[in-house]
């Protein structure tokens, strides 16, 4: 049917309610005018009253058959007047009413002052929406570490700049152990800078051991090009399903004359490093 003006927003409606301050009387004034008592649902002490028998109504006048007392609780719902609202009532929308994938990234906010971009930047302000990327650690060598040629040697990551759960041992075992209750999927990354002063490096191997056994590794090999290589960098990344108590260590094997693991060759570089963080699931 045609109509004049804006189309009504009928998505959400609610009935108007009026609470009364009672006293020893039969007469009350309504907030909204009505045609008759049938347009009201009247409750006294939470018991619904029968229209025209327990009360009558016309316009803004409400008349009771029996007087109330000051201790009575009385309210009415205007059945003949629905209040239209454009926005859904507070608390009325749940996850099932939202279409999957319909919320844009820019609409996500942790506290009202942090947007989703801030969260993805990694400052952990969006914990209420699924967690944070912890535990996490970042360890590295601060000085060169001499090792024997061709011998697999544990890398002594002697400094830690990030260790959210105090789970990395940088003084004795040089390993990270998953804390209790923190199992899950983790991203690991490790890098090795190896060097010799004789330009005769034949190969270098970088391994990560899990619970004492080689789990991931990578090798560079120049056995057919002797007298060429003096220094090399090697690194890799992997994802693992980690359980509480699992521990991870880095190992290096370098074939050369007097090889060594490079620490901070320059003050701003952490060339031999090891780290991980938990994936939010």
C-alpha atoms as a PDB file:
ATOM      1  CA  UNK A   1       0.000   0.000   0.000  1.00  0.00           C
ATOM      2  CA  UNK A   2       1.393   3.477  -0.847  1.00  0.00           C
ATOM      3  CA  UNK A   3       2.116   5.838   2.005  1.00  0.00           C
ATOM      4  CA  UNK A   4       3.416   9.361   2.589  1.00  0.00           C
ATOM      5  CA  UNK A   5       6.685   9.955   4.419  1.00  0.00           C
ATOM      6  CA  UNK A   6       9.532   7.673   5.494  1.00  0.00           C
ATOM      7  CA  UNK A   7       8.912   3.958   5.575  1.00  0.00           C
ATOM      8  CA  UNK A   8       8.424   2.785   9.175  1.00  0.00           C
ATOM      9  CA  UNK A   9      11.232   0.810  10.758  1.00  0.00           C
ATOM     10  CA  UNK A  10       9.380  -2.281  11.946  1.00  0.00           C
ATOM     11  CA  UNK A  11      12.343  -4.496  12.738  1.00  0.00           C
ATOM     12  CA  UNK A  12      12.174  -4.010  16.492  1.00  0.00           C
ATOM     13  CA  UNK A  13       9.185  -3.093  18.667  1.00  0.00           C
ATOM     14  CA  UNK A  14       8.483  -3.238  22.374  1.00  0.00           C
ATOM     15  CA  UNK A  15       5.435  -2.451  24.517  1.00  0.00           C
ATOM     16  CA  UNK A  16       5.456   0.604  26.749  1.00  0.00           C
ATOM     17  CA  UNK A  17       5.292   0.005  30.496  1.00  0.00           C
ATOM     18  CA  UNK A  18       4.253   2.313  33.347  1.00  0.00           C
ATOM     19  CA  UNK A  19       5.030   1.857  37.039  1.00  0.00           C
ATOM     20  CA  UNK A  20       2.722   3.471  39.580  1.00  0.00           C
ATOM     21  CA  UNK A  21       3.360   4.917  43.022  1.00  0.00           C
ATOM     22  CA  UNK A  22       0.486   3.388  44.949  1.00  0.00           C
ATOM     23  CA  UNK A  23      -1.572   4.770  47.792  1.00  0.00           C
ATOM     24  CA  UNK A  24      -5.018   4.174  49.361  1.00  0.00           C
ATOM     25  CA  UNK A  25      -6.955   5.185  46.265  1.00  0.00           C
ATOM     26  CA  UNK A  26      -8.792   3.824  43.232  1.00  0.00           C
ATOM     27  CA  UNK A  27      -7.838   6.580  40.787  1.00  0.00           C
ATOM     28  CA  UNK A  28      -4.607   6.804  38.786  1.00  0.00           C
ATOM     29  CA  UNK A  29      -3.345   8.729  35.751  1.00  0.00           C
ATOM     30  CA  UNK A  30      -1.941   6.920  32.730  1.00  0.00           C
ATOM     31  CA  UNK A  31       1.102   8.111  30.800  1.00  0.00           C
ATOM     32  CA  UNK A  32      -0.574   7.161  27.510  1.00  0.00           C
ATOM     33  CA  UNK A  33      -4.240   7.591  26.542  1.00  0.00           C
ATOM     34  CA  UNK A  34      -6.231   4.421  25.844  1.00  0.00           C
ATOM     35  CA  UNK A  35      -9.638   3.704  24.356  1.00  0.00           C
ATOM     36  CA  UNK A  36     -10.693   1.228  27.058  1.00  0.00           C
ATOM     37  CA  UNK A  37      -9.443  -1.195  29.707  1.00  0.00           C
ATOM     38  CA  UNK A  38      -8.686  -3.900  27.143  1.00  0.00           C
ATOM     39  CA  UNK A  39      -5.742  -1.849  25.891  1.00  0.00           C
ATOM     40  CA  UNK A  40      -4.015  -2.281  29.256  1.00  0.00           C
ATOM     41  CA  UNK A  41      -2.504  -5.256  31.017  1.00  0.00           C
ATOM     42  CA  UNK A  42      -2.614  -4.239  34.676  1.00  0.00           C
ATOM     43  CA  UNK A  43      -0.650  -6.068  37.379  1.00  0.00           C
ATOM     44  CA  UNK A  44      -1.029  -5.608  41.127  1.00  0.00           C
ATOM     45  CA  UNK A  45       1.532  -7.420  43.273  1.00  0.00           C
ATOM     46  CA  UNK A  46       2.562  -9.307  40.103  1.00  0.00           C
ATOM     47  CA  UNK A  47      -0.963 -10.704  39.554  1.00  0.00           C
ATOM     48  CA  UNK A  48      -2.691  -9.727  36.320  1.00  0.00           C
ATOM     49  CA  UNK A  49      -6.089  -8.065  36.815  1.00  0.00           C
ATOM     50  CA  UNK A  50      -9.174  -8.681  34.679  1.00  0.00           C
ATOM     51  CA  UNK A  51     -10.126  -5.704  32.469  1.00  0.00           C
ATOM     52  CA  UNK A  52     -13.524  -4.044  33.117  1.00  0.00           C
ATOM     53  CA  UNK A  53     -13.936  -6.199  36.243  1.00  0.00           C
ATOM     54  CA  UNK A  54     -10.929  -5.164  38.314  1.00  0.00           C
ATOM     55  CA  UNK A  55     -10.425  -1.837  36.571  1.00  0.00           C
ATOM     56  CA  UNK A  56     -11.713   0.478  33.851  1.00  0.00           C
ATOM     57  CA  UNK A  57      -9.765   2.908  31.705  1.00  0.00           C
ATOM     58  CA  UNK A  58     -10.517   5.731  29.327  1.00  0.00           C
ATOM     59  CA  UNK A  59      -8.149   8.336  27.980  1.00  0.00           C
ATOM     60  CA  UNK A  60      -5.501   8.821  30.675  1.00  0.00           C
ATOM     61  CA  UNK A  61      -7.813   7.833  33.565  1.00  0.00           C
ATOM     62  CA  UNK A  62      -7.431   4.473  35.287  1.00  0.00           C
ATOM     63  CA  UNK A  63     -10.070   3.502  37.867  1.00  0.00           C
ATOM     64  CA  UNK A  64      -9.761   0.446  40.105  1.00  0.00           C
ATOM     65  CA  UNK A  65     -12.661  -1.505  41.573  1.00  0.00           C
ATOM     66  CA  UNK A  66     -10.856  -1.791  44.930  1.00  0.00           C
ATOM     67  CA  UNK A  67      -8.428   0.701  46.397  1.00  0.00           C
ATOM     68  CA  UNK A  68      -4.748  -0.118  46.604  1.00  0.00           C
ATOM     69  CA  UNK A  69      -2.451   0.440  49.573  1.00  0.00           C
ATOM     70  CA  UNK A  70       0.922   2.170  49.698  1.00  0.00           C
ATOM     71  CA  UNK A  71       2.721  -1.184  49.971  1.00  0.00           C
ATOM     72  CA  UNK A  72       1.246  -2.595  46.747  1.00  0.00           C
ATOM     73  CA  UNK A  73       3.344  -3.017  43.600  1.00  0.00           C
ATOM     74  CA  UNK A  74       1.392  -1.938  40.532  1.00  0.00           C
ATOM     75  CA  UNK A  75       2.312  -1.487  36.898  1.00  0.00           C
ATOM     76  CA  UNK A  76       0.684  -1.728  33.504  1.00  0.00           C
ATOM     77  CA  UNK A  77       1.712  -2.603  29.959  1.00  0.00           C
ATOM     78  CA  UNK A  78       0.099  -0.611  27.152  1.00  0.00           C
ATOM     79  CA  UNK A  79      -1.087  -3.322  24.770  1.00  0.00           C
ATOM     80  CA  UNK A  80      -2.512  -0.780  22.350  1.00  0.00           C
ATOM     81  CA  UNK A  81       0.698   1.189  22.002  1.00  0.00           C
ATOM     82  CA  UNK A  82       3.895  -0.440  20.764  1.00  0.00           C
ATOM     83  CA  UNK A  83       6.966   1.760  20.902  1.00  0.00           C
ATOM     84  CA  UNK A  84       8.987   1.450  17.692  1.00  0.00           C
ATOM     85  CA  UNK A  85      12.805   1.403  17.923  1.00  0.00           C
ATOM     86  CA  UNK A  86      15.371   1.495  15.109  1.00  0.00           C
ATOM     87  CA  UNK A  87      18.110  -0.230  17.114  1.00  0.00           C
ATOM     88  CA  UNK A  88      17.678  -3.652  18.752  1.00  0.00           C
ATOM     89  CA  UNK A  89      17.169  -3.570  22.525  1.00  0.00           C
ATOM     90  CA  UNK A  90      20.281  -3.923  24.659  1.00  0.00           C
ATOM     91  CA  UNK A  91      21.364  -7.536  25.085  1.00  0.00           C
ATOM     92  CA  UNK A  92      18.970  -8.842  22.415  1.00  0.00           C
ATOM     93  CA  UNK A  93      21.577  -9.756  19.760  1.00  0.00           C
ATOM     94  CA  UNK A  94      23.701 -12.876  20.141  1.00  0.00           C
ATOM     95  CA  UNK A  95      26.308 -14.650  18.040  1.00  0.00           C
ATOM     96  CA  UNK A  96      23.651 -16.652  16.186  1.00  0.00           C
ATOM     97  CA  UNK A  97      22.123 -13.414  14.802  1.00  0.00           C
ATOM     98  CA  UNK A  98      25.422 -12.295  13.218  1.00  0.00           C
ATOM     99  CA  UNK A  99      26.289 -13.600   9.752  1.00  0.00           C
ATOM    100  CA  UNK A 100      29.660 -15.379   9.649  1.00  0.00           C
ATOM    101  CA  UNK A 101      32.369 -13.161   8.199  1.00  0.00           C
ATOM    102  CA  UNK A 102      30.176 -10.052   8.258  1.00  0.00           C
ATOM    103  CA  UNK A 103      32.167  -8.021  10.815  1.00  0.00           C
ATOM    104  CA  UNK A 104      34.848  -5.858   9.216  1.00  0.00           C
ATOM    105  CA  UNK A 105      38.271  -5.732  10.892  1.00  0.00           C
ATOM    106  CA  UNK A 106      37.954  -2.015  11.583  1.00  0.00           C
ATOM    107  CA  UNK A 107      34.817  -2.635  13.694  1.00  0.00           C
ATOM    108  CA  UNK A 108      36.673  -4.794  16.201  1.00  0.00           C
ATOM    109  CA  UNK A 109      37.842  -3.099  19.380  1.00  0.00           C
ATOM    110  CA  UNK A 110      39.192  -4.401  22.657  1.00  0.00           C
ATOM    111  CA  UNK A 111      38.554  -1.502  25.035  1.00  0.00           C
ATOM    112  CA  UNK A 112      37.015   1.222  22.904  1.00  0.00           C
ATOM    113  CA  UNK A 113      40.413   2.894  22.470  1.00  0.00           C
ATOM    114  CA  UNK A 114      42.302   0.031  20.777  1.00  0.00           C
ATOM    115  CA  UNK A 115      41.326  -1.106  17.289  1.00  0.00           C
ATOM    116  CA  UNK A 116      41.995  -4.454  15.650  1.00  0.00           C
ATOM    117  CA  UNK A 117      45.040  -3.103  13.821  1.00  0.00           C
ATOM    118  CA  UNK A 118      46.600  -2.324  17.190  1.00  0.00           C
ATOM    119  CA  UNK A 119      45.869  -5.865  18.296  1.00  0.00           C
ATOM    120  CA  UNK A 120      47.454  -7.369  15.197  1.00  0.00           C
ATOM    121  CA  UNK A 121      50.490  -5.210  15.886  1.00  0.00           C
ATOM    122  CA  UNK A 122      51.041  -7.396  18.934  1.00  0.00           C
ATOM    123  CA  UNK A 123      50.460  -5.329  22.074  1.00  0.00           C
ATOM    124  CA  UNK A 124      48.057  -7.950  23.479  1.00  0.00           C
ATOM    125  CA  UNK A 125      45.201  -5.504  24.116  1.00  0.00           C
ATOM    126  CA  UNK A 126      42.584  -7.720  22.475  1.00  0.00           C
ATOM    127  CA  UNK A 127      42.719 -10.658  24.869  1.00  0.00           C
ATOM    128  CA  UNK A 128      38.965 -10.802  25.395  1.00  0.00           C
ATOM    129  CA  UNK A 129      38.450 -11.835  21.757  1.00  0.00           C
ATOM    130  CA  UNK A 130      40.524 -14.978  21.844  1.00  0.00           C
ATOM    131  CA  UNK A 131      43.762 -14.741  23.735  1.00  0.00           C
ATOM    132  CA  UNK A 132      47.323 -13.487  23.303  1.00  0.00           C
ATOM    133  CA  UNK A 133      50.419 -14.866  21.587  1.00  0.00           C
ATOM    134  CA  UNK A 134      51.997 -16.095  24.815  1.00  0.00           C
ATOM    135  CA  UNK A 135      54.010 -17.833  26.085  1.00  0.00           C
ATOM    136  CA  UNK A 136      56.724 -16.269  23.961  1.00  0.00           C
ATOM    137  CA  UNK A 137      60.502 -16.005  24.188  1.00  0.00           C
ATOM    138  CA  UNK A 138      63.452 -14.542  22.299  1.00  0.00           C
ATOM    139  CA  UNK A 139      66.993 -15.635  23.200  1.00  0.00           C
ATOM    140  CA  UNK A 140      70.362 -14.941  21.574  1.00  0.00           C
ATOM    141  CA  UNK A 141      74.149 -15.147  21.909  1.00  0.00           C
ATOM    142  CA  UNK A 142      75.896 -12.043  23.191  1.00  0.00           C
ATOM    143  CA  UNK A 143      79.436 -13.257  22.359  1.00  0.00           C
ATOM    144  CA  UNK A 144      81.192 -15.753  20.084  1.00  0.00           C
ATOM    145  CA  UNK A 145      81.096 -19.418  21.108  1.00  0.00           C
ATOM    146  CA  UNK A 146      84.016 -21.629  19.999  1.00  0.00           C
ATOM    147  CA  UNK A 147      83.142 -25.233  19.072  1.00  0.00           C
ATOM    148  CA  UNK A 148      84.987 -28.312  17.793  1.00  0.00           C
ATOM    149  CA  UNK A 149      84.965 -28.965  14.058  1.00  0.00           C
ATOM    150  CA  UNK A 150      82.398 -31.545  12.948  1.00  0.00           C
ATOM    151  CA  UNK A 151      80.907 -31.979  16.432  1.00  0.00           C
ATOM    152  CA  UNK A 152      77.287 -31.266  17.141  1.00  0.00           C
ATOM    153  CA  UNK A 153      77.310 -28.672  19.923  1.00  0.00           C
ATOM    154  CA  UNK A 154      74.519 -27.051  21.889  1.00  0.00           C
ATOM    155  CA  UNK A 155      74.209 -23.344  21.182  1.00  0.00           C
ATOM    156  CA  UNK A 156      74.451 -21.449  24.433  1.00  0.00           C
ATOM    157  CA  UNK A 157      71.825 -18.756  24.081  1.00  0.00           C
ATOM    158  CA  UNK A 158      73.003 -16.793  27.072  1.00  0.00           C
ATOM    159  CA  UNK A 159      70.690 -13.805  26.949  1.00  0.00           C
ATOM    160  CA  UNK A 160      66.899 -13.478  26.827  1.00  0.00           C
ATOM    161  CA  UNK A 161      65.128 -10.257  25.883  1.00  0.00           C
ATOM    162  CA  UNK A 162      61.588 -11.713  25.901  1.00  0.00           C
ATOM    163  CA  UNK A 163      60.441 -14.524  28.178  1.00  0.00           C
ATOM    164  CA  UNK A 164      56.795 -14.008  29.143  1.00  0.00           C
ATOM    165  CA  UNK A 165      56.564 -17.077  31.373  1.00  0.00           C
ATOM    166  CA  UNK A 166      60.179 -17.313  32.609  1.00  0.00           C
ATOM    167  CA  UNK A 167      60.470 -20.628  30.764  1.00  0.00           C
ATOM    168  CA  UNK A 168      63.853 -20.222  29.034  1.00  0.00           C
ATOM    169  CA  UNK A 169      67.002 -21.385  30.874  1.00  0.00           C
ATOM    170  CA  UNK A 170      69.850 -19.167  29.647  1.00  0.00           C
ATOM    171  CA  UNK A 171      72.440 -20.194  32.263  1.00  0.00           C
ATOM    172  CA  UNK A 172      72.619 -24.014  32.437  1.00  0.00           C
ATOM    173  CA  UNK A 173      70.623 -25.995  29.861  1.00  0.00           C
ATOM    174  CA  UNK A 174      69.997 -23.212  27.322  1.00  0.00           C
ATOM    175  CA  UNK A 175      66.542 -24.530  26.514  1.00  0.00           C
ATOM    176  CA  UNK A 176      62.904 -23.458  26.516  1.00  0.00           C
ATOM    177  CA  UNK A 177      60.381 -25.654  28.363  1.00  0.00           C
ATOM    178  CA  UNK A 178      56.630 -25.331  27.793  1.00  0.00           C
ATOM    179  CA  UNK A 179      54.987 -24.265  31.084  1.00  0.00           C
ATOM    180  CA  UNK A 180      52.157 -26.220  32.694  1.00  0.00           C
ATOM    181  CA  UNK A 181      48.787 -25.469  31.149  1.00  0.00           C
ATOM    182  CA  UNK A 182      50.337 -23.690  28.139  1.00  0.00           C
ATOM    183  CA  UNK A 183      50.328 -26.426  25.518  1.00  0.00           C
ATOM    184  CA  UNK A 184      49.182 -25.706  21.961  1.00  0.00           C
ATOM    185  CA  UNK A 185      50.523 -24.781  18.538  1.00  0.00           C
ATOM    186  CA  UNK A 186      53.706 -22.686  18.492  1.00  0.00           C
ATOM    187  CA  UNK A 187      55.769 -20.947  15.830  1.00  0.00           C
ATOM    188  CA  UNK A 188      59.528 -21.467  16.344  1.00  0.00           C
ATOM    189  CA  UNK A 189      62.364 -19.641  14.605  1.00  0.00           C
ATOM    190  CA  UNK A 190      66.132 -20.049  14.894  1.00  0.00           C
ATOM    191  CA  UNK A 191      69.185 -18.532  13.180  1.00  0.00           C
ATOM    192  CA  UNK A 192      72.898 -19.371  13.265  1.00  0.00           C
ATOM    193  CA  UNK A 193      75.839 -17.258  12.114  1.00  0.00           C
ATOM    194  CA  UNK A 194      78.915 -19.507  11.793  1.00  0.00           C
ATOM    195  CA  UNK A 195      82.461 -18.413  11.022  1.00  0.00           C
ATOM    196  CA  UNK A 196      86.060 -19.533  10.682  1.00  0.00           C
ATOM    197  CA  UNK A 197      89.256 -17.535  10.167  1.00  0.00           C
ATOM    198  CA  UNK A 198      90.657 -20.011   7.624  1.00  0.00           C
ATOM    199  CA  UNK A 199      88.259 -19.744   4.656  1.00  0.00           C
ATOM    200  CA  UNK A 200      87.828 -23.523   4.665  1.00  0.00           C
ATOM    201  CA  UNK A 201      84.322 -24.157   5.932  1.00  0.00           C
ATOM    202  CA  UNK A 202      82.942 -27.377   4.398  1.00  0.00           C
ATOM    203  CA  UNK A 203      79.463 -27.397   5.880  1.00  0.00           C
ATOM    204  CA  UNK A 204      77.332 -26.154   8.731  1.00  0.00           C
ATOM    205  CA  UNK A 205      74.229 -27.749  10.244  1.00  0.00           C
ATOM    206  CA  UNK A 206      71.583 -26.132  12.428  1.00  0.00           C
ATOM    207  CA  UNK A 207      69.209 -28.365  14.405  1.00  0.00           C
ATOM    208  CA  UNK A 208      66.423 -27.938  16.927  1.00  0.00           C
ATOM    209  CA  UNK A 209      66.041 -30.819  19.324  1.00  0.00           C
ATOM    210  CA  UNK A 210      62.729 -31.589  21.004  1.00  0.00           C
ATOM    211  CA  UNK A 211      62.994 -33.514  24.257  1.00  0.00           C
ATOM    212  CA  UNK A 212      66.575 -34.484  23.393  1.00  0.00           C
ATOM    213  CA  UNK A 213      65.999 -35.714  19.817  1.00  0.00           C
ATOM    214  CA  UNK A 214      66.554 -33.853  16.544  1.00  0.00           C
ATOM    215  CA  UNK A 215      63.171 -32.519  15.438  1.00  0.00           C
ATOM    216  CA  UNK A 216      63.950 -29.949  12.727  1.00  0.00           C
ATOM    217  CA  UNK A 217      67.160 -29.036  10.918  1.00  0.00           C
ATOM    218  CA  UNK A 218      68.872 -27.443   7.937  1.00  0.00           C
ATOM    219  CA  UNK A 219      72.305 -27.820   6.319  1.00  0.00           C
ATOM    220  CA  UNK A 220      74.605 -25.820   4.039  1.00  0.00           C
ATOM    221  CA  UNK A 221      77.333 -27.833   2.314  1.00  0.00           C
ATOM    222  CA  UNK A 222      80.375 -26.706   0.265  1.00  0.00           C
ATOM    223  CA  UNK A 223      82.498 -29.872   0.276  1.00  0.00           C
ATOM    224  CA  UNK A 224      83.259 -29.409  -3.418  1.00  0.00           C
ATOM    225  CA  UNK A 225      84.396 -25.793  -2.967  1.00  0.00           C
ATOM    226  CA  UNK A 226      87.147 -25.927  -0.351  1.00  0.00           C
ATOM    227  CA  UNK A 227      89.029 -22.775   0.530  1.00  0.00           C
ATOM    228  CA  UNK A 228      86.086 -20.526  -0.353  1.00  0.00           C
ATOM    229  CA  UNK A 229      83.707 -20.136   2.571  1.00  0.00           C
ATOM    230  CA  UNK A 230      84.679 -18.131   5.645  1.00  0.00           C
ATOM    231  CA  UNK A 231      81.261 -17.273   7.165  1.00  0.00           C
ATOM    232  CA  UNK A 232      77.668 -18.285   6.675  1.00  0.00           C
ATOM    233  CA  UNK A 233      74.187 -17.713   8.021  1.00  0.00           C
ATOM    234  CA  UNK A 234      71.470 -20.322   8.232  1.00  0.00           C
ATOM    235  CA  UNK A 235      67.932 -20.119   9.632  1.00  0.00           C
ATOM    236  CA  UNK A 236      64.515 -21.746   9.499  1.00  0.00           C
ATOM    237  CA  UNK A 237      61.024 -21.562  10.976  1.00  0.00           C
ATOM    238  CA  UNK A 238      58.549 -24.286  11.880  1.00  0.00           C
ATOM    239  CA  UNK A 239      55.249 -24.880  13.663  1.00  0.00           C
ATOM    240  CA  UNK A 240      54.820 -27.601  16.261  1.00  0.00           C
ATOM    241  CA  UNK A 241      52.092 -28.982  18.510  1.00  0.00           C
ATOM    242  CA  UNK A 242      53.586 -28.524  21.968  1.00  0.00           C
ATOM    243  CA  UNK A 243      52.620 -30.186  25.236  1.00  0.00           C
ATOM    244  CA  UNK A 244      53.422 -28.956  28.738  1.00  0.00           C
ATOM    245  CA  UNK A 245      56.920 -30.128  29.709  1.00  0.00           C
ATOM    246  CA  UNK A 246      58.266 -30.375  26.130  1.00  0.00           C
ATOM    247  CA  UNK A 247      61.653 -28.667  25.809  1.00  0.00           C
ATOM    248  CA  UNK A 248      63.525 -27.284  22.801  1.00  0.00           C
ATOM    249  CA  UNK A 249      67.244 -26.612  22.256  1.00  0.00           C
ATOM    250  CA  UNK A 250      69.387 -25.358  19.389  1.00  0.00           C
ATOM    251  CA  UNK A 251      72.475 -27.266  18.130  1.00  0.00           C
ATOM    252  CA  UNK A 252      75.169 -26.356  15.612  1.00  0.00           C
ATOM    253  CA  UNK A 253      77.684 -28.498  13.713  1.00  0.00           C
ATOM    254  CA  UNK A 254      80.406 -26.744  11.688  1.00  0.00           C
ATOM    255  CA  UNK A 255      83.159 -28.395   9.677  1.00  0.00           C
ATOM    256  CA  UNK A 256      86.104 -25.988   9.473  1.00  0.00           C
ATOM    257  CA  UNK A 257      89.370 -25.080  11.141  1.00  0.00           C
ATOM    258  CA  UNK A 258      88.610 -23.562  14.571  1.00  0.00           C
ATOM    259  CA  UNK A 259      84.956 -22.750  13.803  1.00  0.00           C
ATOM    260  CA  UNK A 260      82.853 -20.612  16.093  1.00  0.00           C
ATOM    261  CA  UNK A 261      79.299 -19.442  16.553  1.00  0.00           C
ATOM    262  CA  UNK A 262      78.995 -15.709  16.090  1.00  0.00           C
ATOM    263  CA  UNK A 263      77.317 -13.731  18.840  1.00  0.00           C
ATOM    264  CA  UNK A 264      76.661 -10.013  18.447  1.00  0.00           C
ATOM    265  CA  UNK A 265      79.225  -9.194  15.776  1.00  0.00           C
ATOM    266  CA  UNK A 266      77.812  -5.702  15.890  1.00  0.00           C
ATOM    267  CA  UNK A 267      76.144  -4.283  18.972  1.00  0.00           C
ATOM    268  CA  UNK A 268      72.737  -3.974  17.287  1.00  0.00           C
ATOM    269  CA  UNK A 269      72.726  -7.440  15.674  1.00  0.00           C
ATOM    270  CA  UNK A 270      71.525 -10.639  17.294  1.00  0.00           C
ATOM    271  CA  UNK A 271      72.840 -12.975  14.603  1.00  0.00           C
ATOM    272  CA  UNK A 272      72.486 -16.266  16.477  1.00  0.00           C
ATOM    273  CA  UNK A 273      68.997 -16.293  17.933  1.00  0.00           C
ATOM    274  CA  UNK A 274      66.149 -18.574  18.985  1.00  0.00           C
ATOM    275  CA  UNK A 275      62.514 -17.790  19.721  1.00  0.00           C
ATOM    276  CA  UNK A 276      58.895 -18.926  19.673  1.00  0.00           C
ATOM    277  CA  UNK A 277      55.361 -17.746  20.384  1.00  0.00           C
ATOM    278  CA  UNK A 278      52.038 -19.471  20.823  1.00  0.00           C
ATOM    279  CA  UNK A 279      49.439 -19.255  18.070  1.00  0.00           C
ATOM    280  CA  UNK A 280      46.039 -17.895  19.087  1.00  0.00           C
ATOM    281  CA  UNK A 281      43.398 -20.545  18.394  1.00  0.00           C
END
